[in-house]
């Protein structure tokens, strides 16, 4: 079968499955999730065995240690996948929720019902556990899904797919509700993102290059974020101890996550006092600092920042530092150089924080808190499929509700329109 025929078949199967899933009950979907968890447990030895093939291939191809770590499936990580399925099963089902019902003068009732998006294509790299995360969230939200994992995790993903199919069969839901592509052909991605007749939304998870390519070439709406160039602004009315705790956590808790702070902005009135102590704290953590001329004048430990640095998501122990005249300049800097992901202010002035929240154009804006809270679990979503920096149709961590839409419903009792 040609790739074109294969992808068309996958698309047709997904579309047919989505029609059935849209009508599935919460109990049926939860039964499938628990059945998948049971199937994963039974398949544990097979998962380890197939993952070993991917690990060996990855080592032979020269994948770096970080990539190999993301690829590795351990018993603990399989436990996490199983627990993740059970947790999604316990989350409230958004499908069918009716809100905003009002009576109109004509006597009809008008409201909104939450419904699935339809078919979601998800393209991701490295981590095999994403297969389970994506499958569970799409299924619970009533969507069929087509999954295209990275070629480096091919054997692991195929083994996980078999467990997913067993769970679907046991619950009586359509087996094509979740499909993992069984080809490593890179052209499959190009086809998946240009099938609007079968696919309603694409969610890419991976490096900036992958996401940029998909965003440029897709003929299907894309839920994405390119990078996480996050900022923290220390206001002149900030408590220093609170500010120091926040910025150390925002940068050093984990360097390689999209919610990590990459740029620190400090009000000029407190820079002389705060900055030397901030530099010392980061030196203790071996964080490289680059900054503006004014910050370099205060501390010789700060290197020179280029224009490119202000745009850069380092994902590493490196931080850019800028001294600003006031909060308005901080907001302008964030909106120009930031990635509209997550930005924070540290200040005891309530009025200023309200202006900052309104003025910063980002998916998450925080007050007196670390940017590393930008996470679906921390937001109470239970789980997330990614973080969107788009404005339509969902923004911020994308949980179950983010994988749905709404349609108007009208209730009448023989009502007719006269004029």
Protein backbone atom coordinates (compact mmCIF):
# COMPACT_ATOMS: atom_id res chain seq x y z
CA UNK A 1 0.00 0.00 0.00
CA UNK A 2 1.33 3.44 -0.90
CA UNK A 3 1.86 6.03 1.81
CA UNK A 4 -0.95 8.13 0.32
CA UNK A 5 -3.39 5.20 0.49
CA UNK A 6 -2.27 4.28 3.99
CA UNK A 7 -2.74 7.81 5.34
CA UNK A 8 -6.14 8.15 3.66
CA UNK A 9 -7.21 4.88 5.26
CA UNK A 10 -6.00 6.06 8.66
CA UNK A 11 -7.89 9.33 8.21
CA UNK A 12 -11.12 7.63 7.16
CA UNK A 13 -10.94 5.25 10.11
CA UNK A 14 -10.32 8.11 12.52
CA UNK A 15 -13.23 10.14 11.15
CA UNK A 16 -15.60 7.17 11.47
CA UNK A 17 -14.37 6.48 15.02
CA UNK A 18 -14.83 10.13 16.00
CA UNK A 19 -18.54 9.95 15.16
CA UNK A 20 -18.97 7.06 17.57
CA UNK A 21 -16.79 8.54 20.28
CA UNK A 22 -18.81 11.75 20.29
CA UNK A 23 -21.77 9.71 21.53
CA UNK A 24 -19.84 7.51 23.98
CA UNK A 25 -20.80 7.73 27.64
CA UNK A 26 -18.41 8.75 30.39
CA UNK A 27 -18.61 5.22 31.77
CA UNK A 28 -17.56 3.71 28.43
CA UNK A 29 -14.60 6.06 28.10
CA UNK A 30 -13.48 5.45 31.68
CA UNK A 31 -13.80 1.70 31.18
CA UNK A 32 -11.50 1.96 28.18
CA UNK A 33 -8.93 3.95 30.15
CA UNK A 34 -8.87 1.43 32.99
CA UNK A 35 -8.67 -1.41 30.46
CA UNK A 36 -5.68 0.30 28.82
CA UNK A 37 -4.00 0.57 32.21
CA UNK A 38 -4.52 -3.15 32.78
CA UNK A 39 -3.21 -3.99 29.31
CA UNK A 40 -0.09 -1.87 29.91
CA UNK A 41 0.60 -3.73 33.13
CA UNK A 42 0.31 -7.09 31.36
CA UNK A 43 2.51 -5.83 28.51
CA UNK A 44 5.21 -4.47 30.85
CA UNK A 45 7.88 -7.08 29.84
CA UNK A 46 7.11 -6.45 26.14
CA UNK A 47 7.39 -2.70 26.63
CA UNK A 48 10.81 -3.06 28.25
CA UNK A 49 11.94 -5.42 25.50
CA UNK A 50 10.81 -3.17 22.64
CA UNK A 51 12.20 -0.08 24.34
CA UNK A 52 15.58 -1.79 24.55
CA UNK A 53 15.57 -1.98 20.73
CA UNK A 54 14.98 1.76 20.51
CA UNK A 55 17.69 2.46 23.10
CA UNK A 56 20.22 0.32 21.24
CA UNK A 57 19.36 1.98 17.94
CA UNK A 58 19.57 5.40 19.55
CA UNK A 59 23.02 4.72 20.97
CA UNK A 60 24.22 3.48 17.58
CA UNK A 61 22.88 6.65 15.95
CA UNK A 62 24.71 8.78 18.49
CA UNK A 63 21.75 10.29 20.31
CA UNK A 64 22.91 12.46 23.21
CA UNK A 65 22.38 11.47 26.83
CA UNK A 66 19.43 13.82 27.32
CA UNK A 67 17.61 12.36 24.30
CA UNK A 68 18.34 8.81 25.45
CA UNK A 69 17.01 9.62 28.90
CA UNK A 70 13.74 10.90 27.41
CA UNK A 71 13.52 7.76 25.32
CA UNK A 72 14.10 5.29 28.16
CA UNK A 73 11.18 3.32 29.60
CA UNK A 74 11.77 2.13 33.16
CA UNK A 75 9.41 0.32 35.50
CA UNK A 76 8.85 3.60 37.31
CA UNK A 77 7.94 5.37 34.06
CA UNK A 78 5.57 2.58 33.07
CA UNK A 79 4.02 2.91 36.53
CA UNK A 80 3.58 6.61 35.77
CA UNK A 81 1.85 5.86 32.47
CA UNK A 82 -0.53 3.44 34.16
CA UNK A 83 -1.28 5.90 36.95
CA UNK A 84 -1.80 8.64 34.36
CA UNK A 85 -4.52 6.61 32.65
CA UNK A 86 -6.29 6.07 35.96
CA UNK A 87 -6.04 9.75 36.86
CA UNK A 88 -7.57 10.86 33.55
CA UNK A 89 -10.40 8.40 34.15
CA UNK A 90 -11.19 10.19 37.42
CA UNK A 91 -11.30 13.65 35.84
CA UNK A 92 -14.69 15.25 35.17
CA UNK A 93 -15.95 14.61 31.65
CA UNK A 94 -16.53 17.94 29.89
CA UNK A 95 -18.51 16.47 27.00
CA UNK A 96 -22.22 17.20 27.03
CA UNK A 97 -21.99 19.96 29.62
CA UNK A 98 -24.69 22.57 28.96
CA UNK A 99 -24.13 26.14 30.10
CA UNK A 100 -25.50 29.66 29.68
CA UNK A 101 -29.11 28.57 29.15
CA UNK A 102 -31.40 31.60 28.92
CA UNK A 103 -35.00 32.19 27.88
CA UNK A 104 -35.42 34.54 24.93
CA UNK A 105 -38.48 36.82 24.49
CA UNK A 106 -39.77 34.38 21.87
CA UNK A 107 -39.98 31.65 24.50
CA UNK A 108 -37.12 29.51 23.21
CA UNK A 109 -34.15 28.59 25.41
CA UNK A 110 -30.66 29.19 24.04
CA UNK A 111 -27.46 27.78 25.51
CA UNK A 112 -24.18 26.05 24.73
CA UNK A 113 -23.15 22.39 24.80
CA UNK A 114 -19.53 21.25 25.05
CA UNK A 115 -18.53 18.87 22.26
CA UNK A 116 -15.34 17.15 20.99
CA UNK A 117 -13.17 18.75 18.32
CA UNK A 118 -13.35 15.54 16.25
CA UNK A 119 -10.03 14.09 15.06
CA UNK A 120 -6.78 15.31 16.59
CA UNK A 121 -3.40 14.60 15.01
CA UNK A 122 -0.49 14.68 17.45
CA UNK A 123 3.14 14.78 16.32
CA UNK A 124 5.81 14.35 18.97
CA UNK A 125 9.40 13.35 19.59
CA UNK A 126 11.32 11.04 21.91
CA UNK A 127 9.13 10.42 24.93
CA UNK A 128 7.07 7.21 24.55
CA UNK A 129 4.88 8.21 27.51
CA UNK A 130 3.39 10.97 25.33
CA UNK A 131 1.60 8.20 23.43
CA UNK A 132 -0.39 7.39 26.56
CA UNK A 133 -0.85 11.02 27.63
CA UNK A 134 -2.24 11.95 24.22
CA UNK A 135 -4.38 8.85 23.83
CA UNK A 136 -5.98 9.21 27.26
CA UNK A 137 -6.76 12.93 27.03
CA UNK A 138 -8.16 12.68 23.51
CA UNK A 139 -10.27 9.67 24.38
CA UNK A 140 -11.71 11.19 27.57
CA UNK A 141 -12.60 14.36 25.66
CA UNK A 142 -14.39 12.30 23.00
CA UNK A 143 -11.86 12.80 20.21
CA UNK A 144 -10.34 10.24 17.88
CA UNK A 145 -6.60 10.69 17.57
CA UNK A 146 -3.82 9.89 15.11
CA UNK A 147 -0.40 9.71 16.78
CA UNK A 148 2.92 10.10 15.03
CA UNK A 149 5.81 9.58 17.43
CA UNK A 150 9.48 10.07 16.64
CA UNK A 151 11.27 7.37 14.66
CA UNK A 152 13.70 6.94 17.56
CA UNK A 153 10.80 5.56 19.70
CA UNK A 154 9.18 3.43 16.98
CA UNK A 155 9.28 0.04 18.70
CA UNK A 156 8.22 1.44 22.07
CA UNK A 157 5.27 3.30 20.56
CA UNK A 158 4.07 0.27 18.61
CA UNK A 159 4.11 -1.83 21.80
CA UNK A 160 2.15 0.84 23.66
CA UNK A 161 -0.29 1.05 20.74
CA UNK A 162 -1.09 -2.65 21.08
CA UNK A 163 -2.02 -2.16 24.73
CA UNK A 164 -4.20 0.81 23.80
CA UNK A 165 -6.03 -1.23 21.15
CA UNK A 166 -6.66 -4.06 23.64
CA UNK A 167 -8.16 -1.56 26.06
CA UNK A 168 -10.45 -0.13 23.38
CA UNK A 169 -11.58 -3.60 22.30
CA UNK A 170 -12.35 -4.63 25.87
CA UNK A 171 -14.49 -1.55 26.45
CA UNK A 172 -16.38 -1.87 23.19
CA UNK A 173 -15.20 1.48 21.83
CA UNK A 174 -13.98 1.62 18.21
CA UNK A 175 -10.45 0.27 17.86
CA UNK A 176 -9.55 3.12 15.53
CA UNK A 177 -10.31 5.72 18.19
CA UNK A 178 -6.55 5.81 18.79
CA UNK A 179 -4.18 5.05 15.89
CA UNK A 180 -0.39 5.11 16.12
CA UNK A 181 1.20 5.38 12.67
CA UNK A 182 3.25 2.28 11.88
CA UNK A 183 5.63 4.04 9.49
CA UNK A 184 8.79 6.06 10.06
CA UNK A 185 8.44 7.75 6.65
CA UNK A 186 8.87 11.48 7.26
CA UNK A 187 6.39 12.20 4.47
CA UNK A 188 3.65 10.81 6.72
CA UNK A 189 3.84 14.01 8.78
CA UNK A 190 3.42 16.12 5.65
CA UNK A 191 0.33 14.14 4.70
CA UNK A 192 -1.17 14.19 8.21
CA UNK A 193 -1.05 17.98 8.44
CA UNK A 194 -2.69 18.46 5.05
CA UNK A 195 -5.80 16.27 5.47
CA UNK A 196 -8.52 18.71 6.60
CA UNK A 197 -11.17 16.30 5.36
CA UNK A 198 -10.09 13.83 8.07
CA UNK A 199 -8.18 15.83 10.70
CA UNK A 200 -9.62 18.78 12.63
CA UNK A 201 -6.64 19.89 14.73
CA UNK A 202 -2.88 19.23 14.85
CA UNK A 203 -0.91 19.35 18.12
CA UNK A 204 2.88 19.30 17.65
CA UNK A 205 5.10 18.52 20.63
CA UNK A 206 8.82 18.81 20.07
CA UNK A 207 11.64 21.13 19.13
CA UNK A 208 11.22 24.60 17.69
CA UNK A 209 12.21 23.41 14.21
CA UNK A 210 9.48 20.75 14.12
CA UNK A 211 6.79 23.11 15.34
CA UNK A 212 7.82 25.89 12.98
CA UNK A 213 7.71 23.55 10.01
CA UNK A 214 4.28 22.21 10.92
CA UNK A 215 2.89 25.69 11.54
CA UNK A 216 4.08 26.84 8.10
CA UNK A 217 2.94 23.81 6.12
CA UNK A 218 -0.27 22.68 7.84
CA UNK A 219 -3.64 23.04 6.17
CA UNK A 220 -5.25 22.05 9.46
CA UNK A 221 -5.52 24.36 12.53
CA UNK A 222 -2.51 23.96 14.86
CA UNK A 223 -2.39 24.26 18.66
CA UNK A 224 1.22 25.10 19.46
CA UNK A 225 3.91 27.04 21.18
CA UNK A 226 7.27 27.65 19.56
CA UNK A 227 9.28 28.39 22.69
CA UNK A 228 9.13 29.51 26.30
CA UNK A 229 11.12 32.74 26.68
CA UNK A 230 9.73 33.55 30.12
CA UNK A 231 10.45 36.68 32.20
CA UNK A 232 10.30 37.76 35.82
CA UNK A 233 10.16 41.49 36.60
CA UNK A 234 11.29 42.64 40.06
CA UNK A 235 9.47 45.86 40.88
CA UNK A 236 10.81 48.62 43.12
CA UNK A 237 8.05 47.67 45.59
CA UNK A 238 9.11 44.02 45.86
CA UNK A 239 10.28 42.29 49.04
CA UNK A 240 13.77 41.09 48.26
CA UNK A 241 13.67 37.73 50.07
CA UNK A 242 10.43 36.85 48.29
CA UNK A 243 11.85 37.98 44.94
CA UNK A 244 15.08 36.00 45.40
CA UNK A 245 13.22 32.80 46.26
CA UNK A 246 10.97 33.18 43.19
CA UNK A 247 13.72 33.92 40.66
CA UNK A 248 16.00 31.13 41.86
CA UNK A 249 13.16 28.63 41.56
CA UNK A 250 11.96 30.06 38.24
CA UNK A 251 15.39 29.53 36.69
CA UNK A 252 16.99 26.56 38.45
CA UNK A 253 14.21 24.15 39.47
CA UNK A 254 14.46 22.66 35.98
CA UNK A 255 16.36 24.27 33.12
CA UNK A 256 14.89 22.30 30.23
CA UNK A 257 11.19 23.11 30.63
CA UNK A 258 9.23 25.74 28.72
CA UNK A 259 8.19 27.47 31.96
CA UNK A 260 11.77 28.21 33.03
CA UNK A 261 12.69 31.89 33.34
CA UNK A 262 15.13 33.01 30.65
CA UNK A 263 15.22 36.79 31.28
CA UNK A 264 15.24 38.77 34.53
CA UNK A 265 14.13 42.41 34.59
CA UNK A 266 14.99 44.59 37.60
CA UNK A 267 13.69 48.09 38.41
CA UNK A 268 16.52 50.64 38.42
CA UNK A 269 15.64 51.89 41.93
CA UNK A 270 16.49 48.54 43.53
CA UNK A 271 19.13 47.27 41.11
CA UNK A 272 22.13 48.61 43.05
CA UNK A 273 20.95 46.82 46.19
CA UNK A 274 19.38 43.68 44.73
CA UNK A 275 21.62 42.77 41.82
CA UNK A 276 24.88 41.91 43.64
CA UNK A 277 22.98 39.53 45.93
CA UNK A 278 21.13 38.03 42.97
CA UNK A 279 24.42 37.47 41.14
CA UNK A 280 25.92 35.75 44.17
CA UNK A 281 22.91 33.41 44.45
CA UNK A 282 23.16 32.44 40.79
CA UNK A 283 26.91 31.91 41.03
CA UNK A 284 26.18 29.38 43.75
CA UNK A 285 24.04 27.56 41.19
CA UNK A 286 26.61 27.93 38.35
CA UNK A 287 24.25 29.99 36.22
CA UNK A 288 25.91 32.11 33.54
CA UNK A 289 24.65 35.71 33.45
CA UNK A 290 24.64 38.13 30.52
CA UNK A 291 23.09 41.54 30.66
CA UNK A 292 22.68 45.14 29.62
CA UNK A 293 25.35 47.83 30.09
CA UNK A 294 23.72 49.09 33.30
CA UNK A 295 23.73 45.64 34.88
CA UNK A 296 27.36 45.08 33.86
CA UNK A 297 28.28 48.33 35.57
CA UNK A 298 26.90 46.98 38.84
CA UNK A 299 28.46 43.50 38.62
CA UNK A 300 31.56 42.40 36.73
CA UNK A 301 30.23 38.83 36.86
CA UNK A 302 27.61 39.72 34.23
CA UNK A 303 28.74 39.29 30.64
CA UNK A 304 27.54 41.32 27.67
CA UNK A 305 24.13 40.41 26.28
CA UNK A 306 23.53 40.57 22.54
CA UNK A 307 20.23 41.55 20.93
CA UNK A 308 19.69 37.87 20.21
CA UNK A 309 19.98 37.00 23.91
CA UNK A 310 16.77 38.85 24.70
CA UNK A 311 14.90 36.58 22.27
CA UNK A 312 16.57 33.34 23.38
CA UNK A 313 15.07 30.37 25.20
CA UNK A 314 18.27 28.93 26.69
CA UNK A 315 16.89 25.75 28.31
CA UNK A 316 20.22 25.79 30.13
CA UNK A 317 21.92 27.42 33.16
CA UNK A 318 22.15 30.79 31.45
CA UNK A 319 20.11 33.94 32.10
CA UNK A 320 19.86 37.40 30.55
CA UNK A 321 19.48 40.38 32.91
CA UNK A 322 18.17 43.86 32.13
CA UNK A 323 17.68 46.92 34.30
CA UNK A 324 14.50 48.85 33.38
CA UNK A 325 13.32 52.33 34.29
CA UNK A 326 9.86 51.26 35.40
CA UNK A 327 7.12 48.68 34.99
CA UNK A 328 5.95 50.13 31.67
CA UNK A 329 9.39 49.50 30.18
CA UNK A 330 9.31 45.96 31.58
CA UNK A 331 5.96 45.30 29.89
CA UNK A 332 7.23 46.69 26.59
CA UNK A 333 10.34 44.52 26.78
CA UNK A 334 8.33 41.36 27.55
CA UNK A 335 5.85 41.95 24.75
CA UNK A 336 8.65 42.61 22.25
CA UNK A 337 11.11 39.86 23.12
CA UNK A 338 8.98 37.27 24.92
CA UNK A 339 7.25 34.25 23.43
CA UNK A 340 3.82 34.94 25.00
CA UNK A 341 4.19 31.87 27.24
CA UNK A 342 4.56 32.82 30.93
CA UNK A 343 5.75 36.00 32.61
CA UNK A 344 5.69 37.19 36.22
CA UNK A 345 5.93 40.28 38.41
CA UNK A 346 7.20 40.46 41.97
CA UNK A 347 5.64 43.43 43.75
CA UNK A 348 3.69 44.32 46.87
CA UNK A 349 1.74 47.02 45.02
CA UNK A 350 -1.67 45.61 44.09
CA UNK A 351 -2.44 48.33 41.55
CA UNK A 352 0.81 47.71 39.70
CA UNK A 353 0.23 43.97 39.54
CA UNK A 354 -3.21 44.57 38.02
CA UNK A 355 -1.69 46.79 35.32
CA UNK A 356 1.03 44.19 34.67
CA UNK A 357 -1.52 41.39 34.31
CA UNK A 358 -3.55 43.45 31.86
CA UNK A 359 -0.57 44.73 29.88
CA UNK A 360 1.51 41.57 29.38
CA UNK A 361 0.34 39.62 26.32
CA UNK A 362 1.06 36.07 27.48
CA UNK A 363 -0.82 32.82 27.99
CA UNK A 364 -0.03 32.91 31.72
CA UNK A 365 0.77 35.99 33.80
CA UNK A 366 1.82 35.46 37.40
CA UNK A 367 2.05 37.66 40.47
CA UNK A 368 4.58 36.81 43.18
CA UNK A 369 5.00 33.24 41.96
CA UNK A 370 7.55 31.21 40.00
CA UNK A 371 7.01 30.83 36.26
CA UNK A 372 7.58 27.10 36.71
CA UNK A 373 4.00 26.78 37.95
CA UNK A 374 2.97 26.97 34.26
CA UNK A 375 1.77 23.39 34.11
CA UNK A 376 -1.58 21.71 33.59
CA UNK A 377 -1.33 19.65 36.78
CA UNK A 378 -0.49 22.72 38.87
CA UNK A 379 -3.44 24.57 37.33
CA UNK A 380 -5.81 21.81 38.42
CA UNK A 381 -6.36 20.42 34.93
CA UNK A 382 -5.19 16.97 36.02
CA UNK A 383 -3.14 16.53 32.88
CA UNK A 384 -2.24 18.46 29.76
CA UNK A 385 -1.43 17.72 26.15
CA UNK A 386 0.77 20.79 25.79
CA UNK A 387 0.85 24.54 26.35
CA UNK A 388 -0.58 26.85 23.72
CA UNK A 389 0.68 30.38 23.11
CA UNK A 390 -1.96 30.89 20.43
CA UNK A 391 -5.01 33.07 21.06
CA UNK A 392 -7.52 30.84 19.23
CA UNK A 393 -8.99 28.49 20.23
CA UNK A 394 -7.24 27.68 23.49
CA UNK A 395 -4.43 29.43 25.38
CA UNK A 396 -2.13 28.16 28.12
CA UNK A 397 -2.02 24.55 29.36
CA UNK A 398 -4.32 22.42 27.20
CA UNK A 399 -6.30 19.93 29.27
CA UNK A 400 -9.55 18.13 28.60
CA UNK A 401 -11.63 21.30 28.14
CA UNK A 402 -9.01 22.65 25.72
CA UNK A 403 -9.65 19.66 23.47
CA UNK A 404 -13.31 20.54 23.12
CA UNK A 405 -15.46 23.18 21.47
CA UNK A 406 -19.01 24.43 22.03
CA UNK A 407 -22.10 24.51 19.90
CA UNK A 408 -25.31 26.46 20.43
CA UNK A 409 -28.40 24.49 21.35
CA UNK A 410 -31.95 25.77 21.17
CA UNK A 411 -34.86 24.24 23.11
CA UNK A 412 -38.42 24.93 22.10
CA UNK A 413 -41.86 23.41 22.39
CA UNK A 414 -43.39 23.88 18.99
CA UNK A 415 -42.08 27.42 18.72
CA UNK A 416 -42.18 29.10 15.31
CA UNK A 417 -40.76 32.44 14.23
CA UNK A 418 -43.32 34.99 13.05
CA UNK A 419 -41.10 37.83 11.82
